[in-house]
Amino acid sequence: VDGPLAEVRGLRPQDTAYEGVAQHLPSLWVAVRSSLRDVLDRTTLADV
């Protein structure tokens, strides 16, 4: 119903790119998405 679990300004986390002090931020966005997947993709309707 809502598309990808995590987007950053309409981009997939791995498709973001920054320069300078924010250059490592895409790794954090990927980690955020991974943590969402860890909860949402491992919890079924039956579990809830």
All heavy atoms as atom14 arrays in JSON, in Angstrom:
{
  "sequence": "VDGPLAEVRGLRPQDTAYEGVAQHLPSLWVAVRSSLRDVLDRTTLADV",
  "atom14_mask": [
    [1, 1, 1, 1, 1, 1, 1, 0, 0, 0, 0, 0, 0, 0],
    [1, 1, 1, 1, 1, 1, 1, 1, 0, 0, 0, 0, 0, 0],
    [1, 1, 1, 1, 0, 0, 0, 0, 0, 0, 0, 0, 0, 0],
    [1, 1, 1, 1, 1, 1, 1, 0, 0, 0, 0, 0, 0, 0],
    [1, 1, 1, 1, 1, 1, 1, 1, 0, 0, 0, 0, 0, 0],
    [1, 1, 1, 1, 1, 0, 0, 0, 0, 0, 0, 0, 0, 0],
    [1, 1, 1, 1, 1, 1, 1, 1, 1, 0, 0, 0, 0, 0],
    [1, 1, 1, 1, 1, 1, 1, 0, 0, 0, 0, 0, 0, 0],
    [1, 1, 1, 1, 1, 1, 1, 1, 1, 1, 1, 0, 0, 0],
    [1, 1, 1, 1, 0, 0, 0, 0, 0, 0, 0, 0, 0, 0],
    [1, 1, 1, 1, 1, 1, 1, 1, 0, 0, 0, 0, 0, 0],
    [1, 1, 1, 1, 1, 1, 1, 1, 1, 1, 1, 0, 0, 0],
    [1, 1, 1, 1, 1, 1, 1, 0, 0, 0, 0, 0, 0, 0],
    [1, 1, 1, 1, 1, 1, 1, 1, 1, 0, 0, 0, 0, 0],
    [1, 1, 1, 1, 1, 1, 1, 1, 0, 0, 0, 0, 0, 0],
    [1, 1, 1, 1, 1, 1, 1, 0, 0, 0, 0, 0, 0, 0],
    [1, 1, 1, 1, 1, 0, 0, 0, 0, 0, 0, 0, 0, 0],
    [1, 1, 1, 1, 1, 1, 1, 1, 1, 1, 1, 1, 0, 0],
    [1, 1, 1, 1, 1, 1, 1, 1, 1, 0, 0, 0, 0, 0],
    [1, 1, 1, 1, 0, 0, 0, 0, 0, 0, 0, 0, 0, 0],
    [1, 1, 1, 1, 1, 1, 1, 0, 0, 0, 0, 0, 0, 0],
    [1, 1, 1, 1, 1, 0, 0, 0, 0, 0, 0, 0, 0, 0],
    [1, 1, 1, 1, 1, 1, 1, 1, 1, 0, 0, 0, 0, 0],
    [1, 1, 1, 1, 1, 1, 1, 1, 1, 1, 0, 0, 0, 0],
    [1, 1, 1, 1, 1, 1, 1, 1, 0, 0, 0, 0, 0, 0],
    [1, 1, 1, 1, 1, 1, 1, 0, 0, 0, 0, 0, 0, 0],
    [1, 1, 1, 1, 1, 1, 0, 0, 0, 0, 0, 0, 0, 0],
    [1, 1, 1, 1, 1, 1, 1, 1, 0, 0, 0, 0, 0, 0],
    [1, 1, 1, 1, 1, 1, 1, 1, 1, 1, 1, 1, 1, 1],
    [1, 1, 1, 1, 1, 1, 1, 0, 0, 0, 0, 0, 0, 0],
    [1, 1, 1, 1, 1, 0, 0, 0, 0, 0, 0, 0, 0, 0],
    [1, 1, 1, 1, 1, 1, 1, 0, 0, 0, 0, 0, 0, 0],
    [1, 1, 1, 1, 1, 1, 1, 1, 1, 1, 1, 0, 0, 0],
    [1, 1, 1, 1, 1, 1, 0, 0, 0, 0, 0, 0, 0, 0],
    [1, 1, 1, 1, 1, 1, 0, 0, 0, 0, 0, 0, 0, 0],
    [1, 1, 1, 1, 1, 1, 1, 1, 0, 0, 0, 0, 0, 0],
    [1, 1, 1, 1, 1, 1, 1, 1, 1, 1, 1, 0, 0, 0],
    [1, 1, 1, 1, 1, 1, 1, 1, 0, 0, 0, 0, 0, 0],
    [1, 1, 1, 1, 1, 1, 1, 0, 0, 0, 0, 0, 0, 0],
    [1, 1, 1, 1, 1, 1, 1, 1, 0, 0, 0, 0, 0, 0],
    [1, 1, 1, 1, 1, 1, 1, 1, 0, 0, 0, 0, 0, 0],
    [1, 1, 1, 1, 1, 1, 1, 1, 1, 1, 1, 0, 0, 0],
    [1, 1, 1, 1, 1, 1, 1, 0, 0, 0, 0, 0, 0, 0],
    [1, 1, 1, 1, 1, 1, 1, 0, 0, 0, 0, 0, 0, 0],
    [1, 1, 1, 1, 1, 1, 1, 1, 0, 0, 0, 0, 0, 0],
    [1, 1, 1, 1, 1, 0, 0, 0, 0, 0, 0, 0, 0, 0],
    [1, 1, 1, 1, 1, 1, 1, 1, 0, 0, 0, 0, 0, 0],
    [1, 1, 1, 1, 1, 1, 1, 0, 0, 0, 0, 0, 0, 0]
  ],
  "atom14_positions": [
    [[0.79, -1.23, 0.0], [0.0, 0.0, 0.0], [0.83, 1.28, 0.0], [0.33, 2.33, -0.38], [-1.02, 0.03, 1.17], [-2.01, -1.11, 1.04], [-0.33, -0.01, 2.51], [0.0, 0.0, 0.0], [0.0, 0.0, 0.0], [0.0, 0.0, 0.0], [0.0, 0.0, 0.0], [0.0, 0.0, 0.0], [0.0, 0.0, 0.0], [0.0, 0.0, 0.0]],
    [[2.08, 1.21, 0.43], [2.89, 2.42, 0.52], [4.24, 2.34, -0.19], [5.02, 3.28, -0.12], [3.14, 2.79, 1.99], [2.16, 3.83, 2.5], [1.46, 4.45, 1.67], [2.08, 4.02, 3.72], [0.0, 0.0, 0.0], [0.0, 0.0, 0.0], [0.0, 0.0, 0.0], [0.0, 0.0, 0.0], [0.0, 0.0, 0.0], [0.0, 0.0, 0.0]],
    [[4.53, 1.23, -0.83], [5.8, 1.12, -1.54], [6.96, 0.76, -0.63], [6.76, 0.14, 0.42], [0.0, 0.0, 0.0], [0.0, 0.0, 0.0], [0.0, 0.0, 0.0], [0.0, 0.0, 0.0], [0.0, 0.0, 0.0], [0.0, 0.0, 0.0], [0.0, 0.0, 0.0], [0.0, 0.0, 0.0], [0.0, 0.0, 0.0], [0.0, 0.0, 0.0]],
    [[8.17, 1.16, -0.99], [9.36, 0.78, -0.24], [9.28, 1.17, 1.24], [8.65, 2.17, 1.6], [10.49, 1.55, -0.92], [9.96, 1.88, -2.28], [8.49, 2.03, -2.13], [0.0, 0.0, 0.0], [0.0, 0.0, 0.0], [0.0, 0.0, 0.0], [0.0, 0.0, 0.0], [0.0, 0.0, 0.0], [0.0, 0.0, 0.0], [0.0, 0.0, 0.0]],
    [[9.93, 0.37, 2.08], [9.91, 0.64, 3.52], [10.6, 1.93, 3.9], [10.22, 2.59, 4.86], [10.55, -0.52, 4.29], [9.8, -1.84, 4.27], [10.56, -2.89, 5.07], [8.38, -1.69, 4.8], [0.0, 0.0, 0.0], [0.0, 0.0, 0.0], [0.0, 0.0, 0.0], [0.0, 0.0, 0.0], [0.0, 0.0, 0.0], [0.0, 0.0, 0.0]],
    [[11.64, 2.29, 3.18], [12.37, 3.51, 3.52], [12.86, 4.19, 2.26], [13.43, 3.53, 1.37], [13.55, 3.18, 4.43], [0.0, 0.0, 0.0], [0.0, 0.0, 0.0], [0.0, 0.0, 0.0], [0.0, 0.0, 0.0], [0.0, 0.0, 0.0], [0.0, 0.0, 0.0], [0.0, 0.0, 0.0], [0.0, 0.0, 0.0], [0.0, 0.0, 0.0]],
    [[12.62, 5.47, 2.2], [13.14, 6.29, 1.12], [13.7, 7.57, 1.72], [13.26, 8.0, 2.79], [12.04, 6.64, 0.12], [11.57, 5.47, -0.71], [10.58, 5.88, -1.78], [9.85, 6.86, -1.58], [10.55, 5.21, -2.82], [0.0, 0.0, 0.0], [0.0, 0.0, 0.0], [0.0, 0.0, 0.0], [0.0, 0.0, 0.0], [0.0, 0.0, 0.0]],
    [[14.65, 8.14, 1.03], [15.23, 9.42, 1.43], [15.0, 10.38, 0.26], [15.57, 10.19, -0.81], [16.74, 9.28, 1.72], [17.33, 10.63, 2.14], [17.0, 8.22, 2.78], [0.0, 0.0, 0.0], [0.0, 0.0, 0.0], [0.0, 0.0, 0.0], [0.0, 0.0, 0.0], [0.0, 0.0, 0.0], [0.0, 0.0, 0.0], [0.0, 0.0, 0.0]],
    [[14.12, 11.33, 0.46], [13.77, 12.28, -0.6], [13.37, 11.58, -1.9], [13.73, 11.99, -2.99], [14.91, 13.27, -0.84], [15.27, 14.12, 0.34], [16.43, 15.07, 0.09], [17.29, 14.75, -1.02], [18.41, 14.0, -0.98], [18.81, 13.52, 0.1], [19.13, 13.74, -2.04], [0.0, 0.0, 0.0], [0.0, 0.0, 0.0], [0.0, 0.0, 0.0]],
    [[12.64, 10.48, -1.78], [12.18, 9.75, -2.94], [13.17, 8.76, -3.52], [12.89, 8.12, -4.54], [0.0, 0.0, 0.0], [0.0, 0.0, 0.0], [0.0, 0.0, 0.0], [0.0, 0.0, 0.0], [0.0, 0.0, 0.0], [0.0, 0.0, 0.0], [0.0, 0.0, 0.0], [0.0, 0.0, 0.0], [0.0, 0.0, 0.0], [0.0, 0.0, 0.0]],
    [[14.35, 8.62, -2.91], [15.37, 7.68, -3.38], [15.49, 6.5, -2.43], [15.28, 6.64, -1.23], [16.74, 8.36, -3.45], [16.89, 9.53, -4.41], [18.25, 10.19, -4.21], [16.72, 9.07, -5.85], [0.0, 0.0, 0.0], [0.0, 0.0, 0.0], [0.0, 0.0, 0.0], [0.0, 0.0, 0.0], [0.0, 0.0, 0.0], [0.0, 0.0, 0.0]],
    [[15.86, 5.36, -2.97], [16.2, 4.23, -2.12], [17.47, 4.59, -1.34], [18.33, 5.31, -1.88], [16.43, 2.97, -2.95], [15.24, 2.52, -3.78], [14.15, 1.93, -2.88], [12.97, 1.58, -3.61], [12.66, 0.34, -4.0], [13.46, -0.66, -3.72], [11.56, 0.11, -4.65], [0.0, 0.0, 0.0], [0.0, 0.0, 0.0], [0.0, 0.0, 0.0]],
    [[17.6, 4.12, -0.11], [18.77, 4.52, 0.7], [20.11, 4.29, 0.0], [21.0, 5.14, 0.08], [18.63, 3.65, 1.95], [17.16, 3.42, 2.07], [16.68, 3.3, 0.64], [0.0, 0.0, 0.0], [0.0, 0.0, 0.0], [0.0, 0.0, 0.0], [0.0, 0.0, 0.0], [0.0, 0.0, 0.0], [0.0, 0.0, 0.0], [0.0, 0.0, 0.0]],
    [[20.27, 3.18, -0.7], [21.55, 2.89, -1.35], [21.81, 3.79, -2.55], [22.93, 3.85, -3.05], [21.65, 1.42, -1.76], [20.77, 1.03, -2.93], [19.36, 0.64, -2.55], [18.92, 0.85, -1.42], [18.64, 0.06, -3.49], [0.0, 0.0, 0.0], [0.0, 0.0, 0.0], [0.0, 0.0, 0.0], [0.0, 0.0, 0.0], [0.0, 0.0, 0.0]],
    [[20.79, 4.51, -3.01], [20.95, 5.39, -4.16], [21.28, 6.83, -3.76], [21.44, 7.69, -4.64], [19.69, 5.38, -5.03], [19.46, 4.01, -5.65], [20.45, 3.26, -5.85], [18.3, 3.67, -5.93], [0.0, 0.0, 0.0], [0.0, 0.0, 0.0], [0.0, 0.0, 0.0], [0.0, 0.0, 0.0], [0.0, 0.0, 0.0], [0.0, 0.0, 0.0]],
    [[21.36, 7.1, -2.47], [21.73, 8.44, -2.03], [23.25, 8.59, -2.06], [23.97, 7.59, -1.96], [21.22, 8.73, -0.6], [21.8, 7.79, 0.31], [19.7, 8.66, -0.53], [0.0, 0.0, 0.0], [0.0, 0.0, 0.0], [0.0, 0.0, 0.0], [0.0, 0.0, 0.0], [0.0, 0.0, 0.0], [0.0, 0.0, 0.0], [0.0, 0.0, 0.0]],
    [[23.7, 9.8, -2.22], [25.15, 10.08, -2.22], [25.37, 11.49, -1.7], [24.61, 12.41, -2.04], [25.72, 9.94, -3.61], [0.0, 0.0, 0.0], [0.0, 0.0, 0.0], [0.0, 0.0, 0.0], [0.0, 0.0, 0.0], [0.0, 0.0, 0.0], [0.0, 0.0, 0.0], [0.0, 0.0, 0.0], [0.0, 0.0, 0.0], [0.0, 0.0, 0.0]],
    [[26.34, 11.63, -0.85], [26.65, 12.92, -0.26], [28.17, 13.13, -0.3], [28.93, 12.18, -0.39], [26.19, 12.98, 1.2], [24.74, 12.61, 1.39], [24.36, 11.32, 1.76], [23.73, 13.55, 1.19], [23.03, 10.99, 1.94], [22.39, 13.23, 1.37], [22.05, 11.93, 1.75], [20.72, 11.61, 1.91], [0.0, 0.0, 0.0], [0.0, 0.0, 0.0]],
    [[28.54, 14.37, -0.19], [29.96, 14.7, -0.16], [30.33, 15.26, 1.21], [29.46, 15.62, 2.0], [30.28, 15.72, -1.25], [30.08, 15.15, -2.64], [30.44, 16.13, -3.73], [31.1, 17.16, -3.44], [30.06, 15.87, -4.88], [0.0, 0.0, 0.0], [0.0, 0.0, 0.0], [0.0, 0.0, 0.0], [0.0, 0.0, 0.0], [0.0, 0.0, 0.0]],
    [[31.59, 15.3, 1.45], [32.09, 15.93, 2.67], [31.68, 15.19, 3.93], [31.69, 13.95, 3.96], [0.0, 0.0, 0.0], [0.0, 0.0, 0.0], [0.0, 0.0, 0.0], [0.0, 0.0, 0.0], [0.0, 0.0, 0.0], [0.0, 0.0, 0.0], [0.0, 0.0, 0.0], [0.0, 0.0, 0.0], [0.0, 0.0, 0.0], [0.0, 0.0, 0.0]],
    [[31.26, 15.94, 4.93], [30.98, 15.35, 6.24], [29.82, 14.36, 6.22], [29.7, 13.53, 7.12], [30.71, 16.45, 7.3], [31.93, 17.31, 7.51], [29.49, 17.29, 6.93], [0.0, 0.0, 0.0], [0.0, 0.0, 0.0], [0.0, 0.0, 0.0], [0.0, 0.0, 0.0], [0.0, 0.0, 0.0], [0.0, 0.0, 0.0], [0.0, 0.0, 0.0]],
    [[28.96, 14.42, 5.21], [27.8, 13.52, 5.13], [28.05, 12.31, 4.24], [27.13, 11.54, 3.98], [26.58, 14.3, 4.63], [0.0, 0.0, 0.0], [0.0, 0.0, 0.0], [0.0, 0.0, 0.0], [0.0, 0.0, 0.0], [0.0, 0.0, 0.0], [0.0, 0.0, 0.0], [0.0, 0.0, 0.0], [0.0, 0.0, 0.0], [0.0, 0.0, 0.0]],
    [[29.29, 12.08, 3.81], [29.57, 11.03, 2.84], [29.2, 9.62, 3.32], [28.92, 8.74, 2.52], [31.05, 11.08, 2.44], [32.01, 10.7, 3.55], [33.45, 10.8, 3.1], [33.75, 10.62, 1.92], [34.34, 11.09, 4.03], [0.0, 0.0, 0.0], [0.0, 0.0, 0.0], [0.0, 0.0, 0.0], [0.0, 0.0, 0.0], [0.0, 0.0, 0.0]],
    [[29.17, 9.41, 4.63], [28.86, 8.08, 5.15], [27.38, 7.91, 5.51], [26.96, 6.84, 5.96], [29.73, 7.76, 6.37], [31.19, 7.83, 6.05], [31.82, 6.93, 5.23], [32.14, 8.72, 6.42], [33.09, 7.25, 5.1], [33.32, 8.34, 5.82], [0.0, 0.0, 0.0], [0.0, 0.0, 0.0], [0.0, 0.0, 0.0], [0.0, 0.0, 0.0]],
    [[26.59, 8.95, 5.3], [25.17, 8.91, 5.64], [24.39, 7.82, 4.91], [23.51, 7.2, 5.51], [24.55, 10.28, 5.4], [23.32, 10.67, 6.18], [23.44, 10.36, 7.66], [23.02, 12.15, 5.97], [0.0, 0.0, 0.0], [0.0, 0.0, 0.0], [0.0, 0.0, 0.0], [0.0, 0.0, 0.0], [0.0, 0.0, 0.0], [0.0, 0.0, 0.0]],
    [[24.67, 7.51, 3.64], [23.92, 6.43, 2.99], [23.99, 5.11, 3.77], [23.01, 4.37, 3.81], [24.59, 6.3, 1.62], [25.06, 7.69, 1.33], [25.54, 8.2, 2.67], [0.0, 0.0, 0.0], [0.0, 0.0, 0.0], [0.0, 0.0, 0.0], [0.0, 0.0, 0.0], [0.0, 0.0, 0.0], [0.0, 0.0, 0.0], [0.0, 0.0, 0.0]],
    [[25.1, 4.83, 4.42], [25.21, 3.6, 5.22], [24.22, 3.63, 6.37], [23.61, 2.6, 6.7], [26.63, 3.45, 5.77], [27.54, 3.27, 4.71], [0.0, 0.0, 0.0], [0.0, 0.0, 0.0], [0.0, 0.0, 0.0], [0.0, 0.0, 0.0], [0.0, 0.0, 0.0], [0.0, 0.0, 0.0], [0.0, 0.0, 0.0], [0.0, 0.0, 0.0]],
    [[24.02, 4.78, 6.98], [23.05, 4.89, 8.06], [21.64, 4.68, 7.53], [20.84, 3.97, 8.15], [23.16, 6.25, 8.76], [22.21, 6.41, 9.94], [22.62, 5.5, 11.08], [22.15, 7.85, 10.37], [0.0, 0.0, 0.0], [0.0, 0.0, 0.0], [0.0, 0.0, 0.0], [0.0, 0.0, 0.0], [0.0, 0.0, 0.0], [0.0, 0.0, 0.0]],
    [[21.33, 5.29, 6.38], [19.98, 5.12, 5.81], [19.72, 3.65, 5.48], [18.63, 3.14, 5.68], [19.81, 5.98, 4.57], [19.92, 7.46, 4.74], [20.31, 8.35, 3.78], [19.63, 8.26, 5.9], [20.3, 9.63, 4.28], [19.89, 9.6, 5.59], [19.21, 7.97, 7.2], [19.72, 10.65, 6.49], [19.05, 9.02, 8.11], [19.29, 10.32, 7.75]],
    [[20.74, 2.96, 4.96], [20.58, 1.52, 4.67], [20.36, 0.75, 5.97], [19.53, -0.17, 6.03], [21.81, 0.99, 3.89], [21.81, -0.53, 3.83], [21.82, 1.58, 2.48], [0.0, 0.0, 0.0], [0.0, 0.0, 0.0], [0.0, 0.0, 0.0], [0.0, 0.0, 0.0], [0.0, 0.0, 0.0], [0.0, 0.0, 0.0], [0.0, 0.0, 0.0]],
    [[21.05, 1.13, 7.04], [20.87, 0.47, 8.35], [19.46, 0.69, 8.88], [18.85, -0.22, 9.46], [21.91, 0.96, 9.34], [0.0, 0.0, 0.0], [0.0, 0.0, 0.0], [0.0, 0.0, 0.0], [0.0, 0.0, 0.0], [0.0, 0.0, 0.0], [0.0, 0.0, 0.0], [0.0, 0.0, 0.0], [0.0, 0.0, 0.0], [0.0, 0.0, 0.0]],
    [[18.92, 1.89, 8.7], [17.55, 2.18, 9.13], [16.58, 1.27, 8.39], [15.71, 0.63, 8.99], [17.19, 3.67, 8.92], [15.69, 3.9, 9.1], [17.98, 4.55, 9.88], [0.0, 0.0, 0.0], [0.0, 0.0, 0.0], [0.0, 0.0, 0.0], [0.0, 0.0, 0.0], [0.0, 0.0, 0.0], [0.0, 0.0, 0.0], [0.0, 0.0, 0.0]],
    [[16.75, 1.18, 7.08], [15.88, 0.29, 6.3], [16.04, -1.16, 6.75], [15.06, -1.9, 6.89], [16.18, 0.41, 4.8], [15.28, -0.53, 3.98], [15.58, -0.5, 2.52], [16.97, -0.88, 2.28], [17.57, -0.73, 1.12], [16.93, -0.19, 0.1], [18.81, -1.1, 0.95], [0.0, 0.0, 0.0], [0.0, 0.0, 0.0], [0.0, 0.0, 0.0]],
    [[17.27, -1.57, 7.0], [17.52, -2.93, 7.45], [16.82, -3.22, 8.77], [16.28, -4.31, 8.97], [19.03, -3.16, 7.56], [19.29, -4.46, 7.98], [0.0, 0.0, 0.0], [0.0, 0.0, 0.0], [0.0, 0.0, 0.0], [0.0, 0.0, 0.0], [0.0, 0.0, 0.0], [0.0, 0.0, 0.0], [0.0, 0.0, 0.0], [0.0, 0.0, 0.0]],
    [[16.83, -2.26, 9.68], [16.17, -2.47, 10.97], [14.65, -2.58, 10.79], [14.0, -3.38, 11.47], [16.54, -1.38, 11.98], [16.01, -0.14, 11.6], [0.0, 0.0, 0.0], [0.0, 0.0, 0.0], [0.0, 0.0, 0.0], [0.0, 0.0, 0.0], [0.0, 0.0, 0.0], [0.0, 0.0, 0.0], [0.0, 0.0, 0.0], [0.0, 0.0, 0.0]],
    [[14.09, -1.8, 9.87], [12.66, -1.92, 9.57], [12.35, -3.3, 9.0], [11.39, -3.95, 9.4], [12.22, -0.83, 8.6], [12.2, 0.59, 9.13], [11.97, 1.58, 7.99], [11.15, 0.75, 10.21], [0.0, 0.0, 0.0], [0.0, 0.0, 0.0], [0.0, 0.0, 0.0], [0.0, 0.0, 0.0], [0.0, 0.0, 0.0], [0.0, 0.0, 0.0]],
    [[13.2, -3.74, 8.08], [13.01, -5.08, 7.51], [13.09, -6.15, 8.58], [12.33, -7.13, 8.55], [14.09, -5.35, 6.46], [13.91, -4.64, 5.16], [15.09, -4.96, 4.26], [14.94, -4.38, 2.94], [15.91, -4.37, 2.04], [17.09, -4.91, 2.32], [15.7, -3.83, 0.86], [0.0, 0.0, 0.0], [0.0, 0.0, 0.0], [0.0, 0.0, 0.0]],
    [[14.02, -5.98, 9.51], [14.21, -6.99, 10.56], [12.95, -7.18, 11.39], [12.65, -8.29, 11.82], [15.39, -6.58, 11.46], [15.82, -7.69, 12.38], [15.86, -8.87, 11.94], [16.13, -7.41, 13.55], [0.0, 0.0, 0.0], [0.0, 0.0, 0.0], [0.0, 0.0, 0.0], [0.0, 0.0, 0.0], [0.0, 0.0, 0.0], [0.0, 0.0, 0.0]],
    [[12.21, -6.12, 11.59], [10.96, -6.23, 12.34], [9.81, -6.63, 11.42], [9.09, -7.6, 11.68], [10.63, -4.9, 13.06], [9.22, -4.93, 13.66], [11.66, -4.61, 14.15], [0.0, 0.0, 0.0], [0.0, 0.0, 0.0], [0.0, 0.0, 0.0], [0.0, 0.0, 0.0], [0.0, 0.0, 0.0], [0.0, 0.0, 0.0], [0.0, 0.0, 0.0]],
    [[9.62, -5.89, 10.33], [8.43, -6.07, 9.5], [8.45, -7.31, 8.63], [7.41, -7.92, 8.38], [8.21, -4.83, 8.64], [7.96, -3.54, 9.42], [7.91, -2.34, 8.49], [6.69, -3.65, 10.25], [0.0, 0.0, 0.0], [0.0, 0.0, 0.0], [0.0, 0.0, 0.0], [0.0, 0.0, 0.0], [0.0, 0.0, 0.0], [0.0, 0.0, 0.0]],
    [[9.62, -7.72, 8.15], [9.69, -8.89, 7.28], [9.82, -10.2, 8.07], [9.78, -11.27, 7.47], [10.86, -8.77, 6.3], [10.59, -7.73, 5.22], [9.42, -7.35, 5.03], [11.56, -7.3, 4.56], [0.0, 0.0, 0.0], [0.0, 0.0, 0.0], [0.0, 0.0, 0.0], [0.0, 0.0, 0.0], [0.0, 0.0, 0.0], [0.0, 0.0, 0.0]],
    [[9.97, -10.09, 9.37], [10.06, -11.3, 10.2], [8.88, -11.42, 11.16], [8.88, -12.26, 12.05], [11.38, -11.3, 10.95], [12.57, -11.44, 10.0], [13.9, -11.33, 10.66], [14.07, -12.29, 11.75], [15.02, -12.19, 12.66], [15.89, -11.2, 12.63], [15.13, -13.08, 13.62], [0.0, 0.0, 0.0], [0.0, 0.0, 0.0], [0.0, 0.0, 0.0]],
    [[7.86, -10.57, 10.96], [6.65, -10.63, 11.77], [5.47, -10.87, 10.83], [5.25, -10.11, 9.89], [6.44, -9.31, 12.54], [7.6, -9.02, 13.32], [5.23, -9.4, 13.46], [0.0, 0.0, 0.0], [0.0, 0.0, 0.0], [0.0, 0.0, 0.0], [0.0, 0.0, 0.0], [0.0, 0.0, 0.0], [0.0, 0.0, 0.0], [0.0, 0.0, 0.0]],
    [[4.72, -11.93, 11.08], [3.59, -12.28, 10.22], [2.27, -11.8, 10.82], [2.2, -11.44, 11.99], [3.5, -13.8, 10.02], [3.15, -14.41, 11.27], [4.8, -14.39, 9.47], [0.0, 0.0, 0.0], [0.0, 0.0, 0.0], [0.0, 0.0, 0.0], [0.0, 0.0, 0.0], [0.0, 0.0, 0.0], [0.0, 0.0, 0.0], [0.0, 0.0, 0.0]],
    [[1.26, -11.84, 9.98], [-0.09, -11.53, 10.47], [-0.47, -12.46, 11.62], [-1.07, -12.03, 12.61], [-1.12, -11.67, 9.34], [-1.07, -10.66, 8.21], [-2.05, -11.06, 7.12], [-1.34, -9.26, 8.72], [0.0, 0.0, 0.0], [0.0, 0.0, 0.0], [0.0, 0.0, 0.0], [0.0, 0.0, 0.0], [0.0, 0.0, 0.0], [0.0, 0.0, 0.0]],
    [[-0.11, -13.73, 11.5], [-0.43, -14.7, 12.55], [0.25, -14.33, 13.86], [-0.36, -14.44, 14.93], [-0.02, -16.11, 12.12], [0.0, 0.0, 0.0], [0.0, 0.0, 0.0], [0.0, 0.0, 0.0], [0.0, 0.0, 0.0], [0.0, 0.0, 0.0], [0.0, 0.0, 0.0], [0.0, 0.0, 0.0], [0.0, 0.0, 0.0], [0.0, 0.0, 0.0]],
    [[1.49, -13.85, 13.78], [2.21, -13.42, 15.0], [1.45, -12.32, 15.72], [1.27, -12.36, 16.94], [3.61, -12.91, 14.66], [4.53, -13.95, 14.06], [4.35, -15.15, 14.34], [5.44, -13.54, 13.31], [0.0, 0.0, 0.0], [0.0, 0.0, 0.0], [0.0, 0.0, 0.0], [0.0, 0.0, 0.0], [0.0, 0.0, 0.0], [0.0, 0.0, 0.0]],
    [[1.02, -11.33, 14.96], [0.31, -10.19, 15.56], [-1.07, -10.62, 16.06], [-1.47, -10.27, 17.17], [0.2, -9.01, 14.56], [-0.6, -7.86, 15.17], [1.59, -8.55, 14.13], [0.0, 0.0, 0.0], [0.0, 0.0, 0.0], [0.0, 0.0, 0.0], [0.0, 0.0, 0.0], [0.0, 0.0, 0.0], [0.0, 0.0, 0.0], [0.0, 0.0, 0.0]]
  ]
}
